[in-house]
Amino acid sequence: MPFPWLDCTPPRPDGAERRAKVAAAELASRAGVLYRLGFSEAAATRRLTATVAWEYDVDARSAANRRPDAVSDPAIARIVSDTFARRPG
């Protein structure tokens, strides 16, 4: 007897790119909130970097748990800088 719920959907070929775009958009949104709360750019960068470091496993063997390059420390600093430069209100 076949179980249709057991069949897995194959992953999308652009899945990693989509996840990176979503992660960058979420970080930009969080940076905007921190800007409106009065955080400095350096404090917001430190806070978001620590949050992302906590979310991903450093010693992950699986690619799904590894921290992508799109949310590396320099990428987060760039996202925060871009967000603070446009002064979200």
PDB file of N, CA and C in Angstrom:
ATOM      1  N   MET A   1       0.844  -1.178   0.000  1.00  0.00           N
ATOM      2  CA  MET A   1       0.000   0.000   0.000  1.00  0.00           C
ATOM      3  C   MET A   1       0.894   1.248   0.000  1.00  0.00           C
ATOM      4  N   PRO A   2       0.742   2.131  -0.985  1.00  0.00           N
ATOM      5  CA  PRO A   2       1.580   3.345  -1.043  1.00  0.00           C
ATOM      6  C   PRO A   2       1.066   4.410  -0.067  1.00  0.00           C
ATOM      7  N   PHE A   3       1.986   5.187   0.426  1.00  0.00           N
ATOM      8  CA  PHE A   3       1.667   6.291   1.319  1.00  0.00           C
ATOM      9  C   PHE A   3       2.033   7.594   0.614  1.00  0.00           C
ATOM     10  N   PRO A   4       1.062   8.354   0.101  1.00  0.00           N
ATOM     11  CA  PRO A   4       1.389   9.568  -0.649  1.00  0.00           C
ATOM     12  C   PRO A   4       2.069  10.631   0.198  1.00  0.00           C
ATOM     13  N   TRP A   5       1.839  10.643   1.492  1.00  0.00           N
ATOM     14  CA  TRP A   5       2.464  11.645   2.349  1.00  0.00           C
ATOM     15  C   TRP A   5       3.927  11.346   2.593  1.00  0.00           C
ATOM     16  N   LEU A   6       4.357  10.138   2.219  1.00  0.00           N
ATOM     17  CA  LEU A   6       5.744   9.749   2.431  1.00  0.00           C
ATOM     18  C   LEU A   6       6.663  10.240   1.314  1.00  0.00           C
ATOM     19  N   ASP A   7       6.090  10.591   0.169  1.00  0.00           N
ATOM     20  CA  ASP A   7       6.892  11.082  -0.952  1.00  0.00           C
ATOM     21  C   ASP A   7       7.394  12.489  -0.657  1.00  0.00           C
ATOM     22  N   CYS A   8       8.670  12.692  -0.852  1.00  0.00           N
ATOM     23  CA  CYS A   8       9.286  14.002  -0.603  1.00  0.00           C
ATOM     24  C   CYS A   8       9.317  14.813  -1.894  1.00  0.00           C
ATOM     25  N   THR A   9       9.091  16.074  -1.748  1.00  0.00           N
ATOM     26  CA  THR A   9       9.227  16.983  -2.870  1.00  0.00           C
ATOM     27  C   THR A   9      10.712  17.259  -3.069  1.00  0.00           C
ATOM     28  N   PRO A  10      11.217  17.158  -4.265  1.00  0.00           N
ATOM     29  CA  PRO A  10      12.645  17.432  -4.464  1.00  0.00           C
ATOM     30  C   PRO A  10      12.944  18.908  -4.177  1.00  0.00           C
ATOM     31  N   PRO A  11      14.138  19.177  -3.648  1.00  0.00           N
ATOM     32  CA  PRO A  11      14.476  20.570  -3.343  1.00  0.00           C
ATOM     33  C   PRO A  11      14.576  21.408  -4.611  1.00  0.00           C
ATOM     34  N   ARG A  12      14.275  22.679  -4.467  1.00  0.00           N
ATOM     35  CA  ARG A  12      14.387  23.601  -5.605  1.00  0.00           C
ATOM     36  C   ARG A  12      15.854  23.858  -5.918  1.00  0.00           C
ATOM     37  N   PRO A  13      16.175  24.048  -7.176  1.00  0.00           N
ATOM     38  CA  PRO A  13      17.570  24.320  -7.524  1.00  0.00           C
ATOM     39  C   PRO A  13      18.053  25.679  -7.006  1.00  0.00           C
ATOM     40  N   ASP A  14      17.135  26.616  -6.821  1.00  0.00           N
ATOM     41  CA  ASP A  14      17.526  27.942  -6.325  1.00  0.00           C
ATOM     42  C   ASP A  14      17.166  28.122  -4.851  1.00  0.00           C
ATOM     43  N   GLY A  15      17.027  27.031  -4.124  1.00  0.00           N
ATOM     44  CA  GLY A  15      16.615  27.090  -2.725  1.00  0.00           C
ATOM     45  C   GLY A  15      17.584  27.857  -1.841  1.00  0.00           C
ATOM     46  N   ALA A  16      18.878  27.635  -2.026  1.00  0.00           N
ATOM     47  CA  ALA A  16      19.878  28.321  -1.202  1.00  0.00           C
ATOM     48  C   ALA A  16      19.834  29.831  -1.440  1.00  0.00           C
ATOM     49  N   GLU A  17      19.664  30.232  -2.689  1.00  0.00           N
ATOM     50  CA  GLU A  17      19.586  31.657  -3.000  1.00  0.00           C
ATOM     51  C   GLU A  17      18.340  32.281  -2.379  1.00  0.00           C
ATOM     52  N   ARG A  18      17.236  31.561  -2.428  1.00  0.00           N
ATOM     53  CA  ARG A  18      15.989  32.080  -1.834  1.00  0.00           C
ATOM     54  C   ARG A  18      16.127  32.233  -0.326  1.00  0.00           C
ATOM     55  N   ARG A  19      16.728  31.229   0.331  1.00  0.00           N
ATOM     56  CA  ARG A  19      16.920  31.316   1.782  1.00  0.00           C
ATOM     57  C   ARG A  19      17.840  32.474   2.135  1.00  0.00           C
ATOM     58  N   ALA A  20      18.874  32.705   1.326  1.00  0.00           N
ATOM     59  CA  ALA A  20      19.804  33.812   1.582  1.00  0.00           C
ATOM     60  C   ALA A  20      19.090  35.149   1.446  1.00  0.00           C
ATOM     61  N   LYS A  21      18.216  35.288   0.432  1.00  0.00           N
ATOM     62  CA  LYS A  21      17.471  36.536   0.251  1.00  0.00           C
ATOM     63  C   LYS A  21      16.519  36.784   1.422  1.00  0.00           C
ATOM     64  N   VAL A  22      15.877  35.731   1.886  1.00  0.00           N
ATOM     65  CA  VAL A  22      14.956  35.868   3.018  1.00  0.00           C
ATOM     66  C   VAL A  22      15.731  36.243   4.277  1.00  0.00           C
ATOM     67  N   ALA A  23      16.880  35.612   4.507  1.00  0.00           N
ATOM     68  CA  ALA A  23      17.689  35.921   5.685  1.00  0.00           C
ATOM     69  C   ALA A  23      18.169  37.370   5.650  1.00  0.00           C
ATOM     70  N   ALA A  24      18.602  37.845   4.477  1.00  0.00           N
ATOM     71  CA  ALA A  24      19.063  39.227   4.349  1.00  0.00           C
ATOM     72  C   ALA A  24      17.912  40.205   4.570  1.00  0.00           C
ATOM     73  N   ALA A  25      16.737  39.881   4.056  1.00  0.00           N
ATOM     74  CA  ALA A  25      15.575  40.755   4.256  1.00  0.00           C
ATOM     75  C   ALA A  25      15.173  40.804   5.720  1.00  0.00           C
ATOM     76  N   GLU A  26      15.250  39.668   6.392  1.00  0.00           N
ATOM     77  CA  GLU A  26      14.911  39.653   7.819  1.00  0.00           C
ATOM     78  C   GLU A  26      15.915  40.467   8.623  1.00  0.00           C
ATOM     79  N   LEU A  27      17.195  40.343   8.287  1.00  0.00           N
ATOM     80  CA  LEU A  27      18.209  41.133   8.991  1.00  0.00           C
ATOM     81  C   LEU A  27      18.018  42.623   8.738  1.00  0.00           C
ATOM     82  N   ALA A  28      17.663  42.999   7.530  1.00  0.00           N
ATOM     83  CA  ALA A  28      17.407  44.414   7.235  1.00  0.00           C
ATOM     84  C   ALA A  28      16.205  44.909   8.028  1.00  0.00           C
ATOM     85  N   SER A  29      15.187  44.075   8.160  1.00  0.00           N
ATOM     86  CA  SER A  29      14.019  44.453   8.947  1.00  0.00           C
ATOM     87  C   SER A  29      14.381  44.631  10.417  1.00  0.00           C
ATOM     88  N   ARG A  30      15.159  43.697  10.942  1.00  0.00           N
ATOM     89  CA  ARG A  30      15.595  43.806  12.345  1.00  0.00           C
ATOM     90  C   ARG A  30      16.478  45.036  12.538  1.00  0.00           C
ATOM     91  N   ALA A  31      17.342  45.315  11.572  1.00  0.00           N
ATOM     92  CA  ALA A  31      18.205  46.495  11.673  1.00  0.00           C
ATOM     93  C   ALA A  31      17.357  47.762  11.677  1.00  0.00           C
ATOM     94  N   GLY A  32      16.287  47.791  10.898  1.00  0.00           N
ATOM     95  CA  GLY A  32      15.389  48.940  10.902  1.00  0.00           C
ATOM     96  C   GLY A  32      14.716  49.131  12.250  1.00  0.00           C
ATOM     97  N   VAL A  33      14.321  48.039  12.868  1.00  0.00           N
ATOM     98  CA  VAL A  33      13.714  48.126  14.205  1.00  0.00           C
ATOM     99  C   VAL A  33      14.730  48.663  15.209  1.00  0.00           C
ATOM    100  N   LEU A  34      15.956  48.146  15.143  1.00  0.00           N
ATOM    101  CA  LEU A  34      16.988  48.613  16.067  1.00  0.00           C
ATOM    102  C   LEU A  34      17.315  50.087  15.828  1.00  0.00           C
ATOM    103  N   TYR A  35      17.276  50.522  14.579  1.00  0.00           N
ATOM    104  CA  TYR A  35      17.496  51.945  14.277  1.00  0.00           C
ATOM    105  C   TYR A  35      16.410  52.797  14.933  1.00  0.00           C
ATOM    106  N   ARG A  36      15.166  52.364  14.772  1.00  0.00           N
ATOM    107  CA  ARG A  36      14.051  53.121  15.353  1.00  0.00           C
ATOM    108  C   ARG A  36      14.069  53.095  16.878  1.00  0.00           C
ATOM    109  N   LEU A  37      14.672  52.070  17.461  1.00  0.00           N
ATOM    110  CA  LEU A  37      14.785  52.000  18.918  1.00  0.00           C
ATOM    111  C   LEU A  37      15.954  52.828  19.451  1.00  0.00           C
ATOM    112  N   GLY A  38      16.766  53.379  18.541  1.00  0.00           N
ATOM    113  CA  GLY A  38      17.852  54.262  18.962  1.00  0.00           C
ATOM    114  C   GLY A  38      19.192  53.584  19.125  1.00  0.00           C
ATOM    115  N   PHE A  39      19.355  52.375  18.631  1.00  0.00           N
ATOM    116  CA  PHE A  39      20.648  51.694  18.708  1.00  0.00           C
ATOM    117  C   PHE A  39      21.630  52.367  17.765  1.00  0.00           C
ATOM    118  N   SER A  40      22.896  52.345  18.128  1.00  0.00           N
ATOM    119  CA  SER A  40      23.926  52.827  17.211  1.00  0.00           C
ATOM    120  C   SER A  40      24.173  51.745  16.158  1.00  0.00           C
ATOM    121  N   GLU A  41      24.833  52.115  15.095  1.00  0.00           N
ATOM    122  CA  GLU A  41      25.115  51.149  14.036  1.00  0.00           C
ATOM    123  C   GLU A  41      25.994  50.013  14.556  1.00  0.00           C
ATOM    124  N   ALA A  42      26.985  50.356  15.364  1.00  0.00           N
ATOM    125  CA  ALA A  42      27.886  49.331  15.912  1.00  0.00           C
ATOM    126  C   ALA A  42      27.141  48.392  16.861  1.00  0.00           C
ATOM    127  N   ALA A  43      26.273  48.944  17.697  1.00  0.00           N
ATOM    128  CA  ALA A  43      25.519  48.111  18.635  1.00  0.00           C
ATOM    129  C   ALA A  43      24.539  47.199  17.895  1.00  0.00           C
ATOM    130  N   ALA A  44      23.909  47.720  16.863  1.00  0.00           N
ATOM    131  CA  ALA A  44      22.983  46.909  16.074  1.00  0.00           C
ATOM    132  C   ALA A  44      23.728  45.786  15.362  1.00  0.00           C
ATOM    133  N   THR A  45      24.899  46.095  14.836  1.00  0.00           N
ATOM    134  CA  THR A  45      25.704  45.066  14.164  1.00  0.00           C
ATOM    135  C   THR A  45      26.105  43.977  15.143  1.00  0.00           C
ATOM    136  N   ARG A  46      26.561  44.364  16.330  1.00  0.00           N
ATOM    137  CA  ARG A  46      26.943  43.378  17.343  1.00  0.00           C
ATOM    138  C   ARG A  46      25.756  42.500  17.730  1.00  0.00           C
ATOM    139  N   ARG A  47      24.621  43.120  17.935  1.00  0.00           N
ATOM    140  CA  ARG A  47      23.428  42.377  18.356  1.00  0.00           C
ATOM    141  C   ARG A  47      22.969  41.398  17.279  1.00  0.00           C
ATOM    142  N   LEU A  48      22.910  41.844  16.033  1.00  0.00           N
ATOM    143  CA  LEU A  48      22.469  40.964  14.953  1.00  0.00           C
ATOM    144  C   LEU A  48      23.493  39.862  14.668  1.00  0.00           C
ATOM    145  N   THR A  49      24.762  40.182  14.773  1.00  0.00           N
ATOM    146  CA  THR A  49      25.801  39.171  14.586  1.00  0.00           C
ATOM    147  C   THR A  49      25.693  38.088  15.652  1.00  0.00           C
ATOM    148  N   ALA A  50      25.477  38.499  16.885  1.00  0.00           N
ATOM    149  CA  ALA A  50      25.322  37.523  17.973  1.00  0.00           C
ATOM    150  C   ALA A  50      24.066  36.684  17.785  1.00  0.00           C
ATOM    151  N   THR A  51      22.991  37.298  17.326  1.00  0.00           N
ATOM    152  CA  THR A  51      21.745  36.559  17.094  1.00  0.00           C
ATOM    153  C   THR A  51      21.920  35.515  16.003  1.00  0.00           C
ATOM    154  N   VAL A  52      22.542  35.892  14.915  1.00  0.00           N
ATOM    155  CA  VAL A  52      22.745  34.953  13.805  1.00  0.00           C
ATOM    156  C   VAL A  52      23.718  33.846  14.223  1.00  0.00           C
ATOM    157  N   ALA A  53      24.747  34.179  14.972  1.00  0.00           N
ATOM    158  CA  ALA A  53      25.690  33.161  15.440  1.00  0.00           C
ATOM    159  C   ALA A  53      24.983  32.150  16.342  1.00  0.00           C
ATOM    160  N   TRP A  54      24.019  32.604  17.122  1.00  0.00           N
ATOM    161  CA  TRP A  54      23.273  31.718  17.998  1.00  0.00           C
ATOM    162  C   TRP A  54      22.336  30.815  17.203  1.00  0.00           C
ATOM    163  N   GLU A  55      21.799  31.320  16.089  1.00  0.00           N
ATOM    164  CA  GLU A  55      20.818  30.563  15.301  1.00  0.00           C
ATOM    165  C   GLU A  55      21.432  29.417  14.511  1.00  0.00           C
ATOM    166  N   TYR A  56      22.702  29.515  14.153  1.00  0.00           N
ATOM    167  CA  TYR A  56      23.332  28.494  13.321  1.00  0.00           C
ATOM    168  C   TYR A  56      24.367  27.722  14.124  1.00  0.00           C
ATOM    169  N   ASP A  57      24.501  26.442  13.797  1.00  0.00           N
ATOM    170  CA  ASP A  57      25.451  25.564  14.454  1.00  0.00           C
ATOM    171  C   ASP A  57      26.827  25.759  13.823  1.00  0.00           C
ATOM    172  N   VAL A  58      27.808  26.061  14.648  1.00  0.00           N
ATOM    173  CA  VAL A  58      29.155  26.336  14.140  1.00  0.00           C
ATOM    174  C   VAL A  58      29.800  25.071  13.571  1.00  0.00           C
ATOM    175  N   ASP A  59      29.649  23.957  14.254  1.00  0.00           N
ATOM    176  CA  ASP A  59      30.290  22.708  13.846  1.00  0.00           C
ATOM    177  C   ASP A  59      29.335  21.784  13.095  1.00  0.00           C
ATOM    178  N   ALA A  60      28.404  22.348  12.375  1.00  0.00           N
ATOM    179  CA  ALA A  60      27.405  21.538  11.679  1.00  0.00           C
ATOM    180  C   ALA A  60      28.032  20.749  10.542  1.00  0.00           C
ATOM    181  N   ARG A  61      27.700  19.483  10.489  1.00  0.00           N
ATOM    182  CA  ARG A  61      28.176  18.643   9.385  1.00  0.00           C
ATOM    183  C   ARG A  61      27.209  18.714   8.218  1.00  0.00           C
ATOM    184  N   SER A  62      25.960  18.982   8.536  1.00  0.00           N
ATOM    185  CA  SER A  62      24.945  19.085   7.493  1.00  0.00           C
ATOM    186  C   SER A  62      24.938  20.499   6.933  1.00  0.00           C
ATOM    187  N   ALA A  63      24.801  20.611   5.630  1.00  0.00           N
ATOM    188  CA  ALA A  63      24.774  21.927   4.989  1.00  0.00           C
ATOM    189  C   ALA A  63      23.544  22.726   5.415  1.00  0.00           C
ATOM    190  N   ALA A  64      22.485  22.047   5.810  1.00  0.00           N
ATOM    191  CA  ALA A  64      21.262  22.742   6.212  1.00  0.00           C
ATOM    192  C   ALA A  64      21.444  23.515   7.503  1.00  0.00           C
ATOM    193  N   ASN A  65      22.352  23.087   8.368  1.00  0.00           N
ATOM    194  CA  ASN A  65      22.560  23.752   9.651  1.00  0.00           C
ATOM    195  C   ASN A  65      23.742  24.704   9.658  1.00  0.00           C
ATOM    196  N   ARG A  66      24.510  24.716   8.571  1.00  0.00           N
ATOM    197  CA  ARG A  66      25.669  25.590   8.492  1.00  0.00           C
ATOM    198  C   ARG A  66      25.260  27.017   8.195  1.00  0.00           C
ATOM    199  N   ARG A  67      26.011  27.956   8.696  1.00  0.00           N
ATOM    200  CA  ARG A  67      25.742  29.378   8.476  1.00  0.00           C
ATOM    201  C   ARG A  67      26.104  29.762   7.046  1.00  0.00           C
ATOM    202  N   PRO A  68      25.142  30.252   6.264  1.00  0.00           N
ATOM    203  CA  PRO A  68      25.448  30.625   4.878  1.00  0.00           C
ATOM    204  C   PRO A  68      26.284  31.898   4.793  1.00  0.00           C
ATOM    205  N   ASP A  69      26.960  32.063   3.682  1.00  0.00           N
ATOM    206  CA  ASP A  69      27.804  33.249   3.479  1.00  0.00           C
ATOM    207  C   ASP A  69      26.985  34.538   3.446  1.00  0.00           C
ATOM    208  N   ALA A  70      25.724  34.440   3.101  1.00  0.00           N
ATOM    209  CA  ALA A  70      24.870  35.631   3.022  1.00  0.00           C
ATOM    210  C   ALA A  70      24.627  36.252   4.389  1.00  0.00           C
ATOM    211  N   VAL A  71      24.861  35.505   5.455  1.00  0.00           N
ATOM    212  CA  VAL A  71      24.695  36.051   6.798  1.00  0.00           C
ATOM    213  C   VAL A  71      25.999  35.942   7.585  1.00  0.00           C
ATOM    214  N   SER A  72      27.119  36.113   6.895  1.00  0.00           N
ATOM    215  CA  SER A  72      28.415  36.163   7.561  1.00  0.00           C
ATOM    216  C   SER A  72      28.533  37.503   8.289  1.00  0.00           C
ATOM    217  N   ASP A  73      29.521  37.619   9.148  1.00  0.00           N
ATOM    218  CA  ASP A  73      29.695  38.868   9.908  1.00  0.00           C
ATOM    219  C   ASP A  73      29.865  40.091   9.009  1.00  0.00           C
ATOM    220  N   PRO A  74      30.720  40.023   7.957  1.00  0.00           N
ATOM    221  CA  PRO A  74      30.826  41.197   7.071  1.00  0.00           C
ATOM    222  C   PRO A  74      29.523  41.501   6.320  1.00  0.00           C
ATOM    223  N   ALA A  75      28.786  40.462   5.955  1.00  0.00           N
ATOM    224  CA  ALA A  75      27.513  40.678   5.259  1.00  0.00           C
ATOM    225  C   ALA A  75      26.507  41.348   6.185  1.00  0.00           C
ATOM    226  N   ILE A  76      26.487  40.953   7.446  1.00  0.00           N
ATOM    227  CA  ILE A  76      25.579  41.576   8.411  1.00  0.00           C
ATOM    228  C   ILE A  76      25.954  43.041   8.602  1.00  0.00           C
ATOM    229  N   ALA A  77      27.247  43.321   8.714  1.00  0.00           N
ATOM    230  CA  ALA A  77      27.688  44.715   8.873  1.00  0.00           C
ATOM    231  C   ALA A  77      27.260  45.556   7.676  1.00  0.00           C
ATOM    232  N   ARG A  78      27.350  44.990   6.474  1.00  0.00           N
ATOM    233  CA  ARG A  78      26.940  45.715   5.273  1.00  0.00           C
ATOM    234  C   ARG A  78      25.424  45.950   5.265  1.00  0.00           C
ATOM    235  N   ILE A  79      24.656  44.952   5.656  1.00  0.00           N
ATOM    236  CA  ILE A  79      23.194  45.090   5.703  1.00  0.00           C
ATOM    237  C   ILE A  79      22.797  46.166   6.704  1.00  0.00           C
ATOM    238  N   VAL A  80      23.408  46.150   7.873  1.00  0.00           N
ATOM    239  CA  VAL A  80      23.103  47.158   8.893  1.00  0.00           C
ATOM    240  C   VAL A  80      23.506  48.540   8.403  1.00  0.00           C
ATOM    241  N   SER A  81      24.672  48.649   7.782  1.00  0.00           N
ATOM    242  CA  SER A  81      25.134  49.949   7.272  1.00  0.00           C
ATOM    243  C   SER A  81      24.184  50.481   6.210  1.00  0.00           C
ATOM    244  N   ASP A  82      23.766  49.638   5.291  1.00  0.00           N
ATOM    245  CA  ASP A  82      22.826  50.053   4.249  1.00  0.00           C
ATOM    246  C   ASP A  82      21.487  50.481   4.840  1.00  0.00           C
ATOM    247  N   THR A  83      21.026  49.741   5.827  1.00  0.00           N
ATOM    248  CA  THR A  83      19.739  50.059   6.453  1.00  0.00           C
ATOM    249  C   THR A  83      19.819  51.378   7.216  1.00  0.00           C
ATOM    250  N   PHE A  84      20.890  51.574   7.963  1.00  0.00           N
ATOM    251  CA  PHE A  84      21.029  52.820   8.726  1.00  0.00           C
ATOM    252  C   PHE A  84      21.237  54.011   7.788  1.00  0.00           C
ATOM    253  N   ALA A  85      21.855  53.775   6.624  1.00  0.00           N
ATOM    254  CA  ALA A  85      22.078  54.868   5.679  1.00  0.00           C
ATOM    255  C   ALA A  85      20.773  55.399   5.092  1.00  0.00           C
ATOM    256  N   ARG A  86      19.789  54.533   4.944  1.00  0.00           N
ATOM    257  CA  ARG A  86      18.513  55.010   4.380  1.00  0.00           C
ATOM    258  C   ARG A  86      17.557  55.496   5.463  1.00  0.00           C
ATOM    259  N   ARG A  87      17.963  55.432   6.724  1.00  0.00           N
ATOM    260  CA  ARG A  87      17.216  55.963   7.867  1.00  0.00           C
ATOM    261  C   ARG A  87      15.746  55.557   7.834  1.00  0.00           C
ATOM    262  N   PRO A  88      15.472  54.286   8.114  1.00  0.00           N
ATOM    263  CA  PRO A  88      14.099  53.802   8.063  1.00  0.00           C
ATOM    264  C   PRO A  88      13.236  54.489   9.105  1.00  0.00           C
ATOM    265  N   GLY A  89      12.071  54.856   8.739  1.00  0.00           N
ATOM    266  CA  GLY A  89      11.232  55.566   9.694  1.00  0.00           C
ATOM    267  C   GLY A  89       9.886  55.036   9.658  1.00  0.00           C
TER     268      GLY A  89
END
